[in-house]
């Protein structure tokens, strides 16, 4: 897979992220693979927050919508060949 395809596939699902890591252009798409990894690692927190009483479900829904929007922003950036950081969590670096 080329750089753009690897970046786009990484944002789609956990399986897409694994495909991008194992079979894609890891060096060329490292930026987008890292961004997608951050999104997919933070996503389960939304489920944890939902268990808190009163406003937990509302915060969970808002958090999930935010992460979905971040994934769309990253996906569009990868499809255009740009390296735009996603809002708020884009500066987190897991892959070096």
C-alpha atoms as a PDB file:
ATOM      1  CA  UNK A   1       0.000   0.000   0.000  1.00  0.00           C
ATOM      2  CA  UNK A   2       1.188   3.515  -0.679  1.00  0.00           C
ATOM      3  CA  UNK A   3       1.370   6.362   1.852  1.00  0.00           C
ATOM      4  CA  UNK A   4      -2.141   7.738   1.223  1.00  0.00           C
ATOM      5  CA  UNK A   5      -3.847   4.344   1.303  1.00  0.00           C
ATOM      6  CA  UNK A   6      -2.036   3.341   4.475  1.00  0.00           C
ATOM      7  CA  UNK A   7      -3.061   6.597   6.178  1.00  0.00           C
ATOM      8  CA  UNK A   8      -6.714   6.257   5.174  1.00  0.00           C
ATOM      9  CA  UNK A   9      -6.954   2.580   6.172  1.00  0.00           C
ATOM     10  CA  UNK A  10      -5.478   3.342   9.610  1.00  0.00           C
ATOM     11  CA  UNK A  11      -8.420   5.598  10.513  1.00  0.00           C
ATOM     12  CA  UNK A  12     -11.177   3.164   9.500  1.00  0.00           C
ATOM     13  CA  UNK A  13     -11.202   0.511  12.265  1.00  0.00           C
ATOM     14  CA  UNK A  14      -8.903  -1.323  14.660  1.00  0.00           C
ATOM     15  CA  UNK A  15      -8.447  -3.909  11.929  1.00  0.00           C
ATOM     16  CA  UNK A  16      -7.535  -1.165   9.463  1.00  0.00           C
ATOM     17  CA  UNK A  17      -4.999   0.175  11.940  1.00  0.00           C
ATOM     18  CA  UNK A  18      -3.389  -3.264  12.230  1.00  0.00           C
ATOM     19  CA  UNK A  19      -3.345  -3.662   8.469  1.00  0.00           C
ATOM     20  CA  UNK A  20      -1.695  -0.250   8.146  1.00  0.00           C
ATOM     21  CA  UNK A  21       0.920  -1.170  10.755  1.00  0.00           C
ATOM     22  CA  UNK A  22       1.677  -4.632   9.403  1.00  0.00           C
ATOM     23  CA  UNK A  23       1.251  -4.302   5.635  1.00  0.00           C
ATOM     24  CA  UNK A  24       1.324  -0.611   4.832  1.00  0.00           C
ATOM     25  CA  UNK A  25       3.979   1.999   4.190  1.00  0.00           C
ATOM     26  CA  UNK A  26       4.837   2.494   7.862  1.00  0.00           C
ATOM     27  CA  UNK A  27       7.566   5.059   7.322  1.00  0.00           C
ATOM     28  CA  UNK A  28       5.637   7.151   4.799  1.00  0.00           C
ATOM     29  CA  UNK A  29       2.393   7.121   6.759  1.00  0.00           C
ATOM     30  CA  UNK A  30       3.880   7.120  10.276  1.00  0.00           C
ATOM     31  CA  UNK A  31       2.183  10.429  11.068  1.00  0.00           C
ATOM     32  CA  UNK A  32      -1.306   9.153  10.234  1.00  0.00           C
ATOM     33  CA  UNK A  33      -0.756   5.731  11.787  1.00  0.00           C
ATOM     34  CA  UNK A  34       0.274   7.496  15.014  1.00  0.00           C
ATOM     35  CA  UNK A  35      -2.760   9.805  14.923  1.00  0.00           C
ATOM     36  CA  UNK A  36      -5.123   6.877  14.325  1.00  0.00           C
ATOM     37  CA  UNK A  37      -3.470   4.891  17.103  1.00  0.00           C
ATOM     38  CA  UNK A  38      -4.036   7.756  19.546  1.00  0.00           C
ATOM     39  CA  UNK A  39      -7.724   7.963  18.566  1.00  0.00           C
ATOM     40  CA  UNK A  40      -8.266   4.194  18.837  1.00  0.00           C
ATOM     41  CA  UNK A  41      -6.492   3.985  22.213  1.00  0.00           C
ATOM     42  CA  UNK A  42      -8.463   6.883  23.700  1.00  0.00           C
ATOM     43  CA  UNK A  43     -11.853   5.702  22.350  1.00  0.00           C
ATOM     44  CA  UNK A  44     -12.546   3.101  25.083  1.00  0.00           C
ATOM     45  CA  UNK A  45     -12.469   5.907  27.665  1.00  0.00           C
ATOM     46  CA  UNK A  46     -15.810   7.053  26.324  1.00  0.00           C
ATOM     47  CA  UNK A  47     -17.351   3.759  27.437  1.00  0.00           C
ATOM     48  CA  UNK A  48     -15.803   4.060  30.878  1.00  0.00           C
ATOM     49  CA  UNK A  49     -17.108   7.603  31.322  1.00  0.00           C
ATOM     50  CA  UNK A  50     -20.647   6.408  30.483  1.00  0.00           C
ATOM     51  CA  UNK A  51     -20.774   4.442  33.747  1.00  0.00           C
ATOM     52  CA  UNK A  52     -20.582   7.567  35.890  1.00  0.00           C
ATOM     53  CA  UNK A  53     -23.965   8.612  37.237  1.00  0.00           C
ATOM     54  CA  UNK A  54     -25.907  11.672  36.119  1.00  0.00           C
ATOM     55  CA  UNK A  55     -23.929  13.312  33.327  1.00  0.00           C
ATOM     56  CA  UNK A  56     -21.620  10.423  32.460  1.00  0.00           C
ATOM     57  CA  UNK A  57     -23.648   9.322  29.461  1.00  0.00           C
ATOM     58  CA  UNK A  58     -23.830  12.895  28.133  1.00  0.00           C
ATOM     59  CA  UNK A  59     -20.071  13.372  28.452  1.00  0.00           C
ATOM     60  CA  UNK A  60     -19.572   9.944  26.859  1.00  0.00           C
ATOM     61  CA  UNK A  61     -21.710  10.862  23.839  1.00  0.00           C
ATOM     62  CA  UNK A  62     -19.944  14.213  23.412  1.00  0.00           C
ATOM     63  CA  UNK A  63     -16.546  12.519  23.740  1.00  0.00           C
ATOM     64  CA  UNK A  64     -17.504   9.884  21.160  1.00  0.00           C
ATOM     65  CA  UNK A  65     -18.689  12.557  18.715  1.00  0.00           C
ATOM     66  CA  UNK A  66     -15.415  14.439  19.234  1.00  0.00           C
ATOM     67  CA  UNK A  67     -13.345  11.318  18.526  1.00  0.00           C
ATOM     68  CA  UNK A  68     -15.440  10.543  15.447  1.00  0.00           C
ATOM     69  CA  UNK A  69     -14.866  14.095  14.170  1.00  0.00           C
ATOM     70  CA  UNK A  70     -11.112  13.703  14.835  1.00  0.00           C
ATOM     71  CA  UNK A  71     -11.093  10.461  12.838  1.00  0.00           C
ATOM     72  CA  UNK A  72     -12.886  12.161   9.926  1.00  0.00           C
ATOM     73  CA  UNK A  73     -10.450  15.099  10.018  1.00  0.00           C
ATOM     74  CA  UNK A  74      -7.512  12.681  10.012  1.00  0.00           C
ATOM     75  CA  UNK A  75      -9.025  10.536   7.258  1.00  0.00           C
ATOM     76  CA  UNK A  76      -9.604  13.543   5.010  1.00  0.00           C
ATOM     77  CA  UNK A  77      -6.077  14.795   5.688  1.00  0.00           C
ATOM     78  CA  UNK A  78      -4.619  11.388   4.842  1.00  0.00           C
ATOM     79  CA  UNK A  79      -6.663  11.198   1.628  1.00  0.00           C
ATOM     80  CA  UNK A  80      -5.367  14.632   0.605  1.00  0.00           C
ATOM     81  CA  UNK A  81      -1.779  13.739   1.489  1.00  0.00           C
ATOM     82  CA  UNK A  82      -1.558  16.386   4.227  1.00  0.00           C
ATOM     83  CA  UNK A  83      -0.200  15.978   7.743  1.00  0.00           C
ATOM     84  CA  UNK A  84      -2.646  17.993   9.843  1.00  0.00           C
ATOM     85  CA  UNK A  85      -2.740  17.295  13.560  1.00  0.00           C
ATOM     86  CA  UNK A  86      -6.143  16.366  14.919  1.00  0.00           C
ATOM     87  CA  UNK A  87      -7.561  18.781  17.527  1.00  0.00           C
ATOM     88  CA  UNK A  88      -6.461  18.537  21.187  1.00  0.00           C
ATOM     89  CA  UNK A  89      -4.940  15.045  21.041  1.00  0.00           C
ATOM     90  CA  UNK A  90      -2.903  15.381  17.867  1.00  0.00           C
ATOM     91  CA  UNK A  91       0.361  16.210  19.631  1.00  0.00           C
ATOM     92  CA  UNK A  92       0.489  12.875  21.454  1.00  0.00           C
ATOM     93  CA  UNK A  93       3.268  10.764  19.958  1.00  0.00           C
ATOM     94  CA  UNK A  94       3.219   7.004  20.493  1.00  0.00           C
ATOM     95  CA  UNK A  95       5.218   5.853  17.487  1.00  0.00           C
ATOM     96  CA  UNK A  96       8.656   7.356  17.085  1.00  0.00           C
END
